[in-house]
Amino acid sequence: MYIYLNKDDSAKLDRLMREYERVFHERCYAYCMSDPIAEIEKCLKTGKPSKIKPEPEALY
């Protein structure tokens, strides 16, 4: 599955991923999410890290 983002959304996703990693001290797996911007914003708003993690041995 590929998600195509325009330049503004791509910059927003980069900013959100950096903020996520700073807040939760763990890597953000945006490539596993169908709507990464909304998912990361929800995590930051609720203060809980995402439960979406890559499948073991999965190739992305």
Protein backbone atom coordinates (compact mmCIF):
# COMPACT_ATOMS: atom_id res chain seq x y z
CA MET A 1 0.00 0.00 0.00
CA TYR A 2 1.35 3.39 -0.97
CA ILE A 3 0.22 6.73 0.38
CA TYR A 4 0.93 9.76 -1.75
CA LEU A 5 1.29 13.04 0.10
CA ASN A 6 1.59 16.53 -1.25
CA LYS A 7 4.51 18.70 -0.18
CA ASP A 8 2.64 20.32 2.74
CA ASP A 9 1.34 17.01 4.09
CA SER A 10 4.78 15.46 3.74
CA ALA A 11 6.32 18.27 5.79
CA LYS A 12 3.52 17.95 8.37
CA LEU A 13 4.09 14.18 8.64
CA ASP A 14 7.84 14.70 9.14
CA ARG A 15 7.17 17.24 11.90
CA LEU A 16 4.61 14.97 13.60
CA MET A 17 6.95 11.96 13.46
CA ARG A 18 9.75 13.95 15.11
CA GLU A 19 7.35 15.18 17.80
CA TYR A 20 6.02 11.63 18.36
CA GLU A 21 9.54 10.26 18.81
CA ARG A 22 10.43 13.12 21.18
CA VAL A 23 7.28 12.64 23.31
CA PHE A 24 7.10 8.84 23.46
CA HIS A 25 10.84 8.01 23.12
CA GLU A 26 10.10 5.33 20.55
CA ARG A 27 10.13 5.09 16.80
CA CYS A 28 7.01 6.06 14.89
CA TYR A 29 5.93 3.41 12.40
CA ALA A 30 4.08 5.73 10.03
CA TYR A 31 4.63 3.36 7.11
CA CYS A 32 2.34 0.81 8.85
CA MET A 33 -0.57 3.25 9.16
CA SER A 34 -3.29 3.80 6.58
CA ASP A 35 -3.70 7.43 7.69
CA PRO A 36 -0.45 8.31 9.47
CA ILE A 37 -1.17 12.02 10.02
CA ALA A 38 -4.50 11.38 11.76
CA GLU A 39 -3.10 8.45 13.78
CA ILE A 40 -0.07 10.40 15.04
CA GLU A 41 -2.20 13.46 15.86
CA LYS A 42 -4.57 11.21 17.84
CA CYS A 43 -1.67 9.70 19.78
CA LEU A 44 -0.23 13.10 20.63
CA LYS A 45 -3.65 14.42 21.65
CA THR A 46 -4.47 11.45 23.92
CA GLY A 47 -0.93 11.09 25.25
CA LYS A 48 -0.81 7.38 24.42
CA PRO A 49 1.62 5.83 21.93
CA SER A 50 0.30 4.01 18.88
CA LYS A 51 -0.35 0.29 19.14
CA ILE A 52 0.33 -0.06 15.42
CA LYS A 53 3.66 -1.83 15.04
CA PRO A 54 5.12 -3.69 12.07
CA GLU A 55 4.45 -7.39 11.77
CA PRO A 56 7.46 -9.50 12.75
CA GLU A 57 9.62 -10.19 9.68
CA ALA A 58 7.39 -8.02 7.46
CA LEU A 59 8.88 -6.11 4.57
CA TYR A 60 7.73 -2.55 4.04
